[in-house]
């Protein structure tokens, strides 16, 4: 078991009520679950997202914490939050990393594996 290990799981859903396809606006809500699989407590300091649409346009989002918080996770603890992203095509992807700080002063990145943003029924 690693001293520093944060598992990240992501789920995304299309939000038709906030989207406007005729104006090239597709909104996706996503829920992230972080779990501290490491041996030491760690705090999420910041985030770095790379959001890509089907046309290859890339948005980079960097900022402090998530949804106004900098969660502190003890070993085995989970933290879950929801947010949203908007792209100009019905299909896209998100990936990135969380910048973490352990109680021993060690900083490390927790990778966010790519996950798909897709309007329902577009992919078979």
C-alpha atoms as a PDB file:
ATOM      1  CA  UNK A   1       0.000   0.000   0.000  1.00  0.00           C
ATOM      2  CA  UNK A   2       1.310   3.421  -0.983  1.00  0.00           C
ATOM      3  CA  UNK A   3       1.739   6.316   1.420  1.00  0.00           C
ATOM      4  CA  UNK A   4       0.053   8.598  -1.122  1.00  0.00           C
ATOM      5  CA  UNK A   5      -2.884   7.229  -3.074  1.00  0.00           C
ATOM      6  CA  UNK A   6      -6.166   8.862  -3.999  1.00  0.00           C
ATOM      7  CA  UNK A   7      -8.635   6.867  -6.093  1.00  0.00           C
ATOM      8  CA  UNK A   8     -10.866   9.009  -8.313  1.00  0.00           C
ATOM      9  CA  UNK A   9     -14.122   7.777  -9.853  1.00  0.00           C
ATOM     10  CA  UNK A  10     -16.208   9.908 -12.213  1.00  0.00           C
ATOM     11  CA  UNK A  11     -19.732   9.662 -13.614  1.00  0.00           C
ATOM     12  CA  UNK A  12     -21.254  12.125 -16.086  1.00  0.00           C
ATOM     13  CA  UNK A  13     -24.805  12.657 -17.357  1.00  0.00           C
ATOM     14  CA  UNK A  14     -26.248  14.945 -20.019  1.00  0.00           C
ATOM     15  CA  UNK A  15     -28.484  17.771 -18.725  1.00  0.00           C
ATOM     16  CA  UNK A  16     -31.031  18.536 -21.480  1.00  0.00           C
ATOM     17  CA  UNK A  17     -32.820  21.224 -19.445  1.00  0.00           C
ATOM     18  CA  UNK A  18     -29.664  23.383 -19.368  1.00  0.00           C
ATOM     19  CA  UNK A  19     -28.464  22.507 -22.872  1.00  0.00           C
ATOM     20  CA  UNK A  20     -29.263  24.257 -26.129  1.00  0.00           C
ATOM     21  CA  UNK A  21     -28.028  22.057 -29.015  1.00  0.00           C
ATOM     22  CA  UNK A  22     -29.167  24.534 -31.666  1.00  0.00           C
ATOM     23  CA  UNK A  23     -26.804  27.064 -30.078  1.00  0.00           C
ATOM     24  CA  UNK A  24     -23.955  24.562 -29.648  1.00  0.00           C
ATOM     25  CA  UNK A  25     -24.388  24.334 -25.875  1.00  0.00           C
ATOM     26  CA  UNK A  26     -24.234  20.887 -24.268  1.00  0.00           C
ATOM     27  CA  UNK A  27     -24.210  20.748 -20.473  1.00  0.00           C
ATOM     28  CA  UNK A  28     -23.057  17.697 -18.537  1.00  0.00           C
ATOM     29  CA  UNK A  29     -23.310  17.159 -14.786  1.00  0.00           C
ATOM     30  CA  UNK A  30     -20.595  15.019 -13.284  1.00  0.00           C
ATOM     31  CA  UNK A  31     -20.108  13.438  -9.897  1.00  0.00           C
ATOM     32  CA  UNK A  32     -16.649  12.718  -8.561  1.00  0.00           C
ATOM     33  CA  UNK A  33     -15.852  10.335  -5.714  1.00  0.00           C
ATOM     34  CA  UNK A  34     -12.391  10.554  -4.168  1.00  0.00           C
ATOM     35  CA  UNK A  35     -11.142   7.923  -1.747  1.00  0.00           C
ATOM     36  CA  UNK A  36      -7.922   8.106   0.216  1.00  0.00           C
ATOM     37  CA  UNK A  37      -6.324   4.700  -0.340  1.00  0.00           C
ATOM     38  CA  UNK A  38      -3.015   5.903   1.087  1.00  0.00           C
ATOM     39  CA  UNK A  39      -1.554   5.521   4.559  1.00  0.00           C
ATOM     40  CA  UNK A  40      -1.603   9.248   5.427  1.00  0.00           C
ATOM     41  CA  UNK A  41      -4.313  11.917   5.571  1.00  0.00           C
ATOM     42  CA  UNK A  42      -4.316  14.290   2.586  1.00  0.00           C
ATOM     43  CA  UNK A  43      -5.990  17.568   1.616  1.00  0.00           C
ATOM     44  CA  UNK A  44      -7.166  18.431  -1.888  1.00  0.00           C
ATOM     45  CA  UNK A  45      -5.620  21.833  -2.626  1.00  0.00           C
ATOM     46  CA  UNK A  46      -6.498  22.455  -6.268  1.00  0.00           C
ATOM     47  CA  UNK A  47      -7.779  20.964  -9.495  1.00  0.00           C
ATOM     48  CA  UNK A  48      -6.698  20.912 -13.128  1.00  0.00           C
ATOM     49  CA  UNK A  49      -9.238  19.845 -15.744  1.00  0.00           C
ATOM     50  CA  UNK A  50      -8.724  19.298 -19.463  1.00  0.00           C
ATOM     51  CA  UNK A  51     -12.090  19.289 -21.256  1.00  0.00           C
ATOM     52  CA  UNK A  52     -12.112  18.342 -24.951  1.00  0.00           C
ATOM     53  CA  UNK A  53     -15.063  18.454 -27.342  1.00  0.00           C
ATOM     54  CA  UNK A  54     -15.571  16.417 -30.521  1.00  0.00           C
ATOM     55  CA  UNK A  55     -14.082  19.221 -32.648  1.00  0.00           C
ATOM     56  CA  UNK A  56     -10.835  18.997 -30.686  1.00  0.00           C
ATOM     57  CA  UNK A  57     -11.370  22.282 -28.831  1.00  0.00           C
ATOM     58  CA  UNK A  58      -9.718  22.133 -25.407  1.00  0.00           C
ATOM     59  CA  UNK A  59     -10.682  24.041 -22.275  1.00  0.00           C
ATOM     60  CA  UNK A  60      -8.291  23.992 -19.342  1.00  0.00           C
ATOM     61  CA  UNK A  61      -9.717  24.758 -15.917  1.00  0.00           C
ATOM     62  CA  UNK A  62      -7.472  25.334 -12.912  1.00  0.00           C
ATOM     63  CA  UNK A  63      -8.568  26.490  -9.492  1.00  0.00           C
ATOM     64  CA  UNK A  64      -8.447  26.145  -5.755  1.00  0.00           C
ATOM     65  CA  UNK A  65     -10.322  23.217  -4.244  1.00  0.00           C
ATOM     66  CA  UNK A  66     -13.582  21.809  -5.596  1.00  0.00           C
ATOM     67  CA  UNK A  67     -17.044  23.376  -5.207  1.00  0.00           C
ATOM     68  CA  UNK A  68     -15.578  25.906  -2.769  1.00  0.00           C
ATOM     69  CA  UNK A  69     -14.013  23.281  -0.507  1.00  0.00           C
ATOM     70  CA  UNK A  70     -10.585  21.780   0.103  1.00  0.00           C
ATOM     71  CA  UNK A  71     -11.592  18.402   1.526  1.00  0.00           C
ATOM     72  CA  UNK A  72      -9.330  16.674   4.047  1.00  0.00           C
ATOM     73  CA  UNK A  73      -9.417  12.890   3.758  1.00  0.00           C
ATOM     74  CA  UNK A  74      -8.242  10.485   6.403  1.00  0.00           C
ATOM     75  CA  UNK A  75      -7.049   7.072   5.157  1.00  0.00           C
ATOM     76  CA  UNK A  76     -10.095   5.121   3.933  1.00  0.00           C
ATOM     77  CA  UNK A  77     -12.310   8.223   3.843  1.00  0.00           C
ATOM     78  CA  UNK A  78     -14.339   9.274   0.807  1.00  0.00           C
ATOM     79  CA  UNK A  79     -15.460  12.663  -0.480  1.00  0.00           C
ATOM     80  CA  UNK A  80     -18.118  13.093  -3.164  1.00  0.00           C
ATOM     81  CA  UNK A  81     -19.159  16.215  -5.041  1.00  0.00           C
ATOM     82  CA  UNK A  82     -21.045  17.211  -8.174  1.00  0.00           C
ATOM     83  CA  UNK A  83     -20.383  19.942 -10.684  1.00  0.00           C
ATOM     84  CA  UNK A  84     -20.991  20.629 -14.379  1.00  0.00           C
ATOM     85  CA  UNK A  85     -19.182  21.313 -17.626  1.00  0.00           C
ATOM     86  CA  UNK A  86     -20.351  22.827 -20.901  1.00  0.00           C
ATOM     87  CA  UNK A  87     -19.004  21.940 -24.346  1.00  0.00           C
ATOM     88  CA  UNK A  88     -20.074  22.873 -27.880  1.00  0.00           C
ATOM     89  CA  UNK A  89     -20.563  19.330 -29.235  1.00  0.00           C
ATOM     90  CA  UNK A  90     -22.770  16.409 -28.073  1.00  0.00           C
ATOM     91  CA  UNK A  91     -19.707  14.263 -27.303  1.00  0.00           C
ATOM     92  CA  UNK A  92     -16.528  15.116 -25.446  1.00  0.00           C
ATOM     93  CA  UNK A  93     -14.224  13.996 -22.671  1.00  0.00           C
ATOM     94  CA  UNK A  94     -12.765  15.230 -19.408  1.00  0.00           C
ATOM     95  CA  UNK A  95      -9.567  14.320 -17.590  1.00  0.00           C
ATOM     96  CA  UNK A  96      -7.100  15.965 -15.277  1.00  0.00           C
ATOM     97  CA  UNK A  97      -5.682  15.833 -11.787  1.00  0.00           C
ATOM     98  CA  UNK A  98      -6.128  16.979  -8.223  1.00  0.00           C
ATOM     99  CA  UNK A  99      -3.174  18.489  -6.430  1.00  0.00           C
ATOM    100  CA  UNK A 100      -2.985  16.936  -2.979  1.00  0.00           C
ATOM    101  CA  UNK A 101      -0.946  17.660   0.152  1.00  0.00           C
ATOM    102  CA  UNK A 102      -0.224  14.944   2.707  1.00  0.00           C
ATOM    103  CA  UNK A 103       0.191  15.546   6.436  1.00  0.00           C
ATOM    104  CA  UNK A 104       3.928  14.837   6.107  1.00  0.00           C
ATOM    105  CA  UNK A 105       4.284  17.820   3.737  1.00  0.00           C
ATOM    106  CA  UNK A 106       4.539  15.720   0.561  1.00  0.00           C
ATOM    107  CA  UNK A 107       2.601  17.143  -2.409  1.00  0.00           C
ATOM    108  CA  UNK A 108       1.378  14.764  -5.127  1.00  0.00           C
ATOM    109  CA  UNK A 109      -1.068  14.653  -8.015  1.00  0.00           C
ATOM    110  CA  UNK A 110      -4.109  12.373  -8.003  1.00  0.00           C
ATOM    111  CA  UNK A 111      -4.855  11.624 -11.682  1.00  0.00           C
ATOM    112  CA  UNK A 112      -8.400  11.791 -13.033  1.00  0.00           C
ATOM    113  CA  UNK A 113      -8.671   9.200 -15.814  1.00  0.00           C
ATOM    114  CA  UNK A 114     -10.448  10.357 -18.990  1.00  0.00           C
ATOM    115  CA  UNK A 115     -14.215   9.962 -18.911  1.00  0.00           C
ATOM    116  CA  UNK A 116     -16.772  10.521 -21.636  1.00  0.00           C
ATOM    117  CA  UNK A 117     -19.338  13.286 -21.951  1.00  0.00           C
ATOM    118  CA  UNK A 118     -22.058  12.064 -24.300  1.00  0.00           C
ATOM    119  CA  UNK A 119     -25.627  12.870 -25.124  1.00  0.00           C
ATOM    120  CA  UNK A 120     -27.706   9.677 -24.628  1.00  0.00           C
ATOM    121  CA  UNK A 121     -28.272   7.388 -27.607  1.00  0.00           C
ATOM    122  CA  UNK A 122     -25.447   8.899 -29.688  1.00  0.00           C
ATOM    123  CA  UNK A 123     -23.123   5.979 -29.009  1.00  0.00           C
ATOM    124  CA  UNK A 124     -24.212   2.407 -29.556  1.00  0.00           C
END
